[in-house]
């Protein structure tokens, strides 16, 4: 992990990374599974060839699996009311599942600064995670169970805490050894 923390992205690369995520987010939410799949494939391919660090593809795969577990479990528990028929692994719409590897593209780039501030990361996850679900649901016509947003707040707080614990200490260690 320290090798990943040693390499810093230029502000332009970080902005391109953030913009690519936002384009992918809107393509998935507004375009549905087919458009989302095409746009996400392009974004992930460009990310892996132009910006990703060695081994970063593992983070994309890991977040895709995590998304299937987290959102898949919440979907099976009745947290989402979907109208779309194309489901990833029979559990949730492909467009929703694709948001997870898209988020993973931010972890070592646009959000890399955040992980050294553990409680800010937790607070950011607990607020921005549910806000993203709420906004996406409104735009995509998805109904959310009353308990879903608090559950997402907890899930994203824990995810960001884990990221901060895993990546934040390597950033601090890197700074101290320079």
Protein backbone atom coordinates (compact mmCIF):
# COMPACT_ATOMS: atom_id res chain seq x y z
CA UNK A 1 0.00 0.00 0.00
CA UNK A 2 2.83 2.43 0.69
CA UNK A 3 3.90 2.28 -2.94
CA UNK A 4 0.40 3.39 -3.94
CA UNK A 5 0.50 6.27 -1.49
CA UNK A 6 3.87 7.50 -2.80
CA UNK A 7 2.49 8.36 -6.21
CA UNK A 8 0.37 11.46 -6.28
CA UNK A 9 -1.89 12.46 -9.11
CA UNK A 10 -1.81 15.90 -10.64
CA UNK A 11 -4.81 18.12 -9.97
CA UNK A 12 -5.83 17.71 -13.61
CA UNK A 13 -5.82 13.90 -13.33
CA UNK A 14 -7.82 14.11 -10.12
CA UNK A 15 -10.42 16.34 -11.78
CA UNK A 16 -10.61 14.06 -14.82
CA UNK A 17 -11.05 11.11 -12.44
CA UNK A 18 -13.86 12.87 -10.60
CA UNK A 19 -15.53 14.01 -13.85
CA UNK A 20 -15.35 10.49 -15.29
CA UNK A 21 -17.04 9.12 -12.17
CA UNK A 22 -19.81 11.72 -12.43
CA UNK A 23 -20.36 10.96 -16.13
CA UNK A 24 -20.57 7.27 -15.27
CA UNK A 25 -22.93 7.92 -12.35
CA UNK A 26 -25.34 9.92 -14.52
CA UNK A 27 -25.06 7.41 -17.40
CA UNK A 28 -26.01 4.58 -15.04
CA UNK A 29 -28.78 6.42 -13.19
CA UNK A 30 -30.36 8.17 -16.18
CA UNK A 31 -29.41 5.76 -18.96
CA UNK A 32 -30.20 2.48 -17.25
CA UNK A 33 -28.34 -0.77 -17.48
CA UNK A 34 -27.43 -0.86 -21.18
CA UNK A 35 -26.19 2.74 -21.43
CA UNK A 36 -24.61 2.42 -17.99
CA UNK A 37 -22.79 -0.75 -18.99
CA UNK A 38 -21.39 0.80 -22.17
CA UNK A 39 -20.28 4.04 -20.50
CA UNK A 40 -18.88 2.24 -17.46
CA UNK A 41 -16.91 -0.15 -19.68
CA UNK A 42 -15.31 2.82 -21.45
CA UNK A 43 -14.57 4.65 -18.18
CA UNK A 44 -13.09 1.60 -16.48
CA UNK A 45 -10.99 0.74 -19.53
CA UNK A 46 -9.64 4.29 -19.73
CA UNK A 47 -9.06 4.35 -15.99
CA UNK A 48 -7.11 1.09 -16.02
CA UNK A 49 -5.00 2.09 -19.02
CA UNK A 50 -4.36 5.78 -18.25
CA UNK A 51 -4.62 6.38 -14.52
CA UNK A 52 -4.70 3.21 -12.45
CA UNK A 53 -1.77 2.10 -10.37
CA UNK A 54 -0.41 -1.44 -10.65
CA UNK A 55 -2.88 -3.87 -9.12
CA UNK A 56 -5.68 -1.32 -8.85
CA UNK A 57 -7.93 -3.58 -10.91
CA UNK A 58 -8.24 -5.67 -7.72
CA UNK A 59 -9.96 -2.74 -6.01
CA UNK A 60 -12.44 -2.45 -8.90
CA UNK A 61 -13.26 -6.16 -8.71
CA UNK A 62 -13.42 -6.02 -4.91
CA UNK A 63 -15.87 -3.14 -4.93
CA UNK A 64 -17.98 -4.86 -7.59
CA UNK A 65 -18.22 -7.87 -5.26
CA UNK A 66 -18.86 -5.66 -2.23
CA UNK A 67 -21.65 -3.87 -4.10
CA UNK A 68 -23.29 -7.14 -4.95
CA UNK A 69 -23.20 -8.17 -1.28
CA UNK A 70 -24.28 -4.82 0.23
CA UNK A 71 -26.87 -3.64 -2.27
CA UNK A 72 -27.87 -7.19 -3.17
CA UNK A 73 -28.64 -7.92 0.49
CA UNK A 74 -30.57 -4.67 0.85
CA UNK A 75 -32.49 -5.43 -2.35
CA UNK A 76 -33.37 -8.94 -1.16
CA UNK A 77 -34.55 -7.42 2.14
CA UNK A 78 -36.96 -5.19 0.19
CA UNK A 79 -35.03 -1.93 0.45
CA UNK A 80 -35.43 -1.03 -3.23
CA UNK A 81 -38.46 -0.99 -5.51
CA UNK A 82 -37.06 -1.41 -9.03
CA UNK A 83 -38.98 -1.12 -12.28
CA UNK A 84 -36.14 -2.18 -14.58
CA UNK A 85 -35.85 -5.77 -15.69
CA UNK A 86 -32.10 -6.26 -16.33
CA UNK A 87 -30.75 -7.52 -13.02
CA UNK A 88 -27.11 -8.19 -12.14
CA UNK A 89 -26.95 -11.77 -10.87
CA UNK A 90 -30.74 -11.73 -10.50
CA UNK A 91 -30.60 -9.37 -7.53
CA UNK A 92 -30.31 -5.71 -8.51
CA UNK A 93 -30.26 -3.61 -11.67
CA UNK A 94 -26.96 -3.73 -13.49
CA UNK A 95 -26.78 0.07 -13.49
CA UNK A 96 -26.85 0.16 -9.68
CA UNK A 97 -24.22 -2.55 -9.39
CA UNK A 98 -21.93 -0.70 -11.84
CA UNK A 99 -21.77 2.30 -9.51
CA UNK A 100 -19.58 0.30 -7.13
CA UNK A 101 -16.56 -0.23 -9.42
CA UNK A 102 -17.04 3.35 -10.60
CA UNK A 103 -16.70 4.49 -6.98
CA UNK A 104 -13.56 2.36 -6.66
CA UNK A 105 -11.90 4.48 -9.37
CA UNK A 106 -11.96 7.38 -6.87
CA UNK A 107 -10.37 5.57 -3.93
CA UNK A 108 -6.70 6.03 -4.89
CA UNK A 109 -7.16 9.24 -6.82
CA UNK A 110 -9.78 11.94 -6.19
CA UNK A 111 -10.55 10.66 -2.69
CA UNK A 112 -7.01 9.64 -1.70
CA UNK A 113 -6.59 12.72 0.51
CA UNK A 114 -9.67 11.80 2.56
CA UNK A 115 -8.46 8.51 4.04
CA UNK A 116 -5.95 10.14 6.40
CA UNK A 117 -8.83 11.95 8.16
CA UNK A 118 -10.66 8.98 9.67
CA UNK A 119 -13.69 10.74 11.17
CA UNK A 120 -14.13 13.00 8.17
CA UNK A 121 -14.12 9.89 5.97
CA UNK A 122 -16.74 8.25 8.20
CA UNK A 123 -18.90 11.38 8.23
CA UNK A 124 -18.49 11.76 4.46
CA UNK A 125 -19.53 8.16 3.87
CA UNK A 126 -22.48 8.41 6.25
CA UNK A 127 -23.81 11.51 4.47
CA UNK A 128 -22.75 11.33 0.84
CA UNK A 129 -23.58 7.62 0.46
CA UNK A 130 -27.28 7.99 1.33
CA UNK A 131 -27.51 11.30 -0.55
CA UNK A 132 -26.23 9.56 -3.67
CA UNK A 133 -28.82 6.80 -3.26
CA UNK A 134 -31.58 9.31 -2.63
CA UNK A 135 -30.66 11.42 -5.68
CA UNK A 136 -30.22 8.36 -7.87
CA UNK A 137 -33.54 6.91 -6.76
CA UNK A 138 -35.35 10.16 -7.52
CA UNK A 139 -33.79 10.38 -10.99
CA UNK A 140 -34.22 6.69 -11.85
CA UNK A 141 -37.71 6.24 -10.43
CA UNK A 142 -36.63 3.76 -7.77
CA UNK A 143 -38.68 3.50 -4.58
CA UNK A 144 -36.72 3.27 -1.34
CA UNK A 145 -37.94 1.61 1.85
CA UNK A 146 -38.03 4.02 4.82
CA UNK A 147 -35.20 2.14 6.53
CA UNK A 148 -32.89 2.01 3.49
CA UNK A 149 -31.15 5.38 3.77
CA UNK A 150 -30.14 4.85 7.42
CA UNK A 151 -28.88 1.38 6.45
CA UNK A 152 -26.87 2.89 3.58
CA UNK A 153 -25.51 5.56 5.96
CA UNK A 154 -24.24 2.84 8.27
CA UNK A 155 -22.85 0.76 5.40
CA UNK A 156 -21.00 3.68 3.82
CA UNK A 157 -19.71 4.93 7.17
CA UNK A 158 -18.23 1.48 7.78
CA UNK A 159 -16.83 1.22 4.24
CA UNK A 160 -15.15 4.61 4.56
CA UNK A 161 -13.85 3.73 8.02
CA UNK A 162 -12.31 0.56 6.59
CA UNK A 163 -10.77 2.51 3.71
CA UNK A 164 -9.38 5.07 6.12
CA UNK A 165 -7.89 2.39 8.35
CA UNK A 166 -6.39 0.57 5.36
CA UNK A 167 -5.16 3.54 3.33
CA UNK A 168 -4.93 6.45 5.74
CA UNK A 169 -2.11 5.05 7.83
CA UNK A 170 0.01 4.42 4.74
CA UNK A 171 -0.45 8.06 3.72
CA UNK A 172 0.67 9.27 7.14
CA UNK A 173 3.58 6.85 7.16
CA UNK A 174 4.62 8.01 3.69
CA UNK A 175 4.62 11.65 4.76
CA UNK A 176 6.65 10.93 7.89
CA UNK A 177 9.33 9.04 5.96
CA UNK A 178 9.90 11.73 3.34
